[in-house]
N, C-alpha and C. Protein backbone atom coordinates (compact mmCIF):
# COMPACT_ATOMS: atom_id res chain seq x y z
N UNK A 1 -20.83 -14.87 -21.36
CA UNK A 1 -21.16 -14.30 -22.91
C UNK A 1 -20.41 -15.22 -23.52
N UNK A 2 -21.06 -15.65 -24.51
CA UNK A 2 -20.42 -16.77 -25.67
C UNK A 2 -19.85 -16.07 -26.59
N UNK A 3 -19.02 -16.50 -28.01
CA UNK A 3 -18.59 -15.34 -28.81
C UNK A 3 -19.85 -14.84 -29.66
N UNK A 4 -20.94 -15.62 -30.09
CA UNK A 4 -22.38 -15.58 -30.63
C UNK A 4 -22.88 -13.60 -29.54
N UNK A 5 -22.46 -13.60 -28.05
CA UNK A 5 -22.88 -12.79 -27.43
C UNK A 5 -21.64 -11.69 -27.82
N UNK A 6 -20.72 -11.89 -27.87
CA UNK A 6 -19.75 -10.63 -28.28
C UNK A 6 -19.95 -10.43 -29.76
N UNK A 7 -20.27 -10.92 -31.20
CA UNK A 7 -20.84 -10.34 -31.57
C UNK A 7 -22.04 -9.57 -32.33
N UNK A 8 -22.96 -9.87 -30.98
CA UNK A 8 -24.33 -9.32 -30.80
C UNK A 8 -24.12 -8.25 -30.60
N UNK A 9 -23.23 -7.89 -29.23
CA UNK A 9 -22.55 -7.01 -29.09
C UNK A 9 -22.16 -6.35 -30.28
N UNK A 10 -21.45 -6.35 -30.11
CA UNK A 10 -20.52 -5.77 -32.11
C UNK A 10 -21.62 -5.35 -32.58
N UNK A 11 -22.50 -5.97 -33.11
CA UNK A 11 -23.12 -5.61 -34.16
C UNK A 11 -24.13 -4.40 -33.68
N UNK A 12 -24.51 -4.58 -32.44
CA UNK A 12 -25.29 -3.35 -31.74
C UNK A 12 -24.45 -1.72 -31.50
N UNK A 13 -22.98 -2.31 -31.44
CA UNK A 13 -22.36 -1.05 -31.30
C UNK A 13 -22.26 -0.91 -32.76
N UNK A 14 -22.06 -1.40 -33.73
CA UNK A 14 -21.97 -1.02 -34.93
C UNK A 14 -23.42 0.21 -35.47
N UNK A 15 -24.53 -0.88 -34.63
CA UNK A 15 -25.63 -0.07 -35.30
C UNK A 15 -25.84 1.04 -34.70
N UNK A 16 -25.78 1.07 -33.51
CA UNK A 16 -25.83 2.48 -32.76
C UNK A 16 -24.79 3.88 -33.17
N UNK A 17 -23.87 3.57 -33.84
CA UNK A 17 -23.00 4.36 -34.47
C UNK A 17 -23.51 4.63 -36.08
N UNK A 18 -24.04 3.82 -36.09
CA UNK A 18 -24.74 4.05 -37.48
C UNK A 18 -26.08 5.27 -36.88
N UNK A 19 -26.38 4.85 -35.90
CA UNK A 19 -28.46 5.15 -35.53
C UNK A 19 -27.69 6.51 -35.57
N UNK A 20 -26.51 7.19 -34.39
CA UNK A 20 -25.95 8.01 -34.03
C UNK A 20 -25.26 9.47 -35.02
N UNK A 21 -24.90 8.57 -36.35
CA UNK A 21 -24.47 9.27 -37.36
C UNK A 21 -26.14 9.75 -37.96
N UNK A 22 -26.82 9.26 -38.21
CA UNK A 22 -28.02 9.53 -39.13
C UNK A 22 -28.92 10.38 -38.32
N UNK A 23 -28.22 10.46 -37.05
CA UNK A 23 -29.06 11.73 -36.08
C UNK A 23 -28.75 13.00 -36.39
N UNK A 24 -27.04 13.29 -36.65
CA UNK A 24 -25.97 13.94 -36.82
C UNK A 24 -26.96 14.64 -38.12
N UNK A 25 -27.00 13.55 -39.17
CA UNK A 25 -27.18 14.05 -40.53
C UNK A 25 -28.03 15.03 -40.97
N UNK A 26 -29.55 14.25 -39.75
CA UNK A 26 -30.51 14.96 -40.14
C UNK A 26 -31.05 15.56 -39.15
N UNK A 27 -30.40 15.79 -38.04
CA UNK A 27 -30.03 17.37 -37.20
C UNK A 27 -31.57 16.64 -36.32
N UNK A 28 -31.49 14.88 -35.79
CA UNK A 28 -32.56 14.50 -34.31
C UNK A 28 -31.74 14.05 -33.42
N UNK A 29 -31.57 15.08 -32.63
CA UNK A 29 -30.85 14.51 -31.42
C UNK A 29 -31.55 13.85 -30.62
N UNK A 30 -32.42 13.25 -30.95
CA UNK A 30 -33.58 11.97 -30.06
C UNK A 30 -32.45 10.42 -30.58
N UNK A 31 -32.11 10.69 -32.05
CA UNK A 31 -31.34 9.48 -32.80
C UNK A 31 -30.54 9.79 -32.19
N UNK A 32 -29.75 10.55 -32.47
CA UNK A 32 -27.76 10.22 -31.60
C UNK A 32 -28.42 10.04 -30.49
N UNK A 33 -29.26 10.98 -29.57
CA UNK A 33 -28.77 9.89 -28.28
C UNK A 33 -28.92 8.46 -28.21
N UNK A 34 -29.73 8.12 -28.99
CA UNK A 34 -30.70 6.67 -29.14
C UNK A 34 -29.23 6.05 -29.76
N UNK A 35 -28.72 6.39 -30.52
CA UNK A 35 -27.21 5.53 -31.15
C UNK A 35 -26.19 5.42 -29.92
N UNK A 36 -26.21 6.54 -29.35
CA UNK A 36 -25.18 6.61 -28.35
C UNK A 36 -25.08 5.47 -26.97
N UNK A 37 -26.79 5.22 -26.39
CA UNK A 37 -27.39 4.27 -25.58
C UNK A 37 -26.33 3.18 -26.16
N UNK A 38 -26.69 2.59 -27.72
CA UNK A 38 -27.01 1.64 -27.87
C UNK A 38 -25.17 0.94 -27.85
N UNK A 39 -24.36 1.93 -28.03
CA UNK A 39 -23.36 2.60 -28.13
C UNK A 39 -22.37 1.80 -26.71
N UNK A 40 -23.40 2.50 -25.49
CA UNK A 40 -22.60 2.34 -24.06
C UNK A 40 -22.89 0.65 -24.05
N UNK A 41 -24.39 0.39 -24.26
CA UNK A 41 -24.98 -0.79 -23.79
C UNK A 41 -24.34 -1.92 -24.65
N UNK A 42 -23.53 -1.71 -25.72
CA UNK A 42 -22.71 -2.44 -25.91
C UNK A 42 -21.35 -2.39 -25.44
N UNK A 43 -21.10 -1.72 -24.90
CA UNK A 43 -20.06 -1.25 -24.33
C UNK A 43 -19.53 -2.40 -22.73
N UNK A 44 -20.62 -1.84 -22.05
CA UNK A 44 -20.71 -2.41 -20.96
C UNK A 44 -21.08 -4.09 -21.07
N UNK A 45 -21.25 -4.73 -22.39
CA UNK A 45 -21.81 -6.03 -23.05
C UNK A 45 -20.35 -6.92 -22.91
N UNK A 46 -19.58 -6.11 -23.55
CA UNK A 46 -18.47 -6.29 -23.41
C UNK A 46 -17.41 -6.38 -22.50
N UNK A 47 -17.56 -5.19 -21.79
CA UNK A 47 -17.08 -5.15 -19.92
C UNK A 47 -17.11 -7.00 -18.98
N UNK A 48 -18.15 -6.77 -19.41
CA UNK A 48 -18.81 -7.92 -18.54
C UNK A 48 -17.88 -9.05 -18.90
N UNK A 49 -18.33 -9.21 -20.31
CA UNK A 49 -17.25 -10.63 -21.11
C UNK A 49 -15.56 -10.59 -20.42
N UNK A 50 -15.11 -9.23 -20.59
CA UNK A 50 -13.81 -9.43 -20.07
C UNK A 50 -13.31 -9.46 -18.91
N UNK A 51 -14.72 -9.13 -17.84
CA UNK A 51 -14.50 -9.53 -16.45
C UNK A 51 -14.39 -11.08 -16.21
N UNK A 52 -15.99 -11.71 -17.09
CA UNK A 52 -15.64 -12.85 -16.84
C UNK A 52 -14.41 -14.13 -17.58
N UNK A 53 -14.05 -13.51 -18.54
CA UNK A 53 -12.90 -14.10 -19.12
C UNK A 53 -11.98 -13.85 -17.88
N UNK A 54 -11.05 -13.20 -17.43
CA UNK A 54 -10.35 -13.14 -16.54
C UNK A 54 -10.79 -13.69 -14.80
N UNK A 55 -12.10 -13.68 -14.15
CA UNK A 55 -12.27 -14.60 -13.39
C UNK A 55 -11.79 -15.53 -14.19
N UNK A 56 -12.64 -16.22 -15.20
CA UNK A 56 -12.13 -17.79 -15.53
C UNK A 56 -10.42 -17.99 -15.23
N UNK A 57 -10.33 -17.34 -15.39
CA UNK A 57 -9.07 -17.98 -15.89
C UNK A 57 -8.11 -17.77 -14.55
N UNK A 58 -8.11 -16.75 -13.35
CA UNK A 58 -7.87 -16.74 -12.26
C UNK A 58 -8.57 -18.40 -11.89
N UNK A 59 -9.21 -18.54 -11.93
CA UNK A 59 -10.07 -19.63 -11.30
C UNK A 59 -8.90 -21.34 -11.69
N UNK A 60 -8.85 -20.89 -13.09
CA UNK A 60 -8.31 -21.86 -13.89
C UNK A 60 -6.79 -22.10 -13.12
N UNK A 61 -6.02 -21.10 -13.17
CA UNK A 61 -4.74 -20.74 -12.62
C UNK A 61 -4.64 -21.54 -10.66
N UNK A 62 -5.79 -21.44 -10.56
CA UNK A 62 -5.95 -21.97 -8.68
C UNK A 62 -5.05 -22.86 -8.56
């Protein structure tokens, strides 16, 4: 994942937070759930990038 991918994941996380908040304000549980799902997706993408970076660092040290 590149820096661009990290930025997109961060944007997805923010979008999810906004969508969840809109769902809370409007009383729409589907919007809340979709917002939370976007946040989870973004978290997974960030975790994958962290793992890739750690593996790369270990390979570079060897």
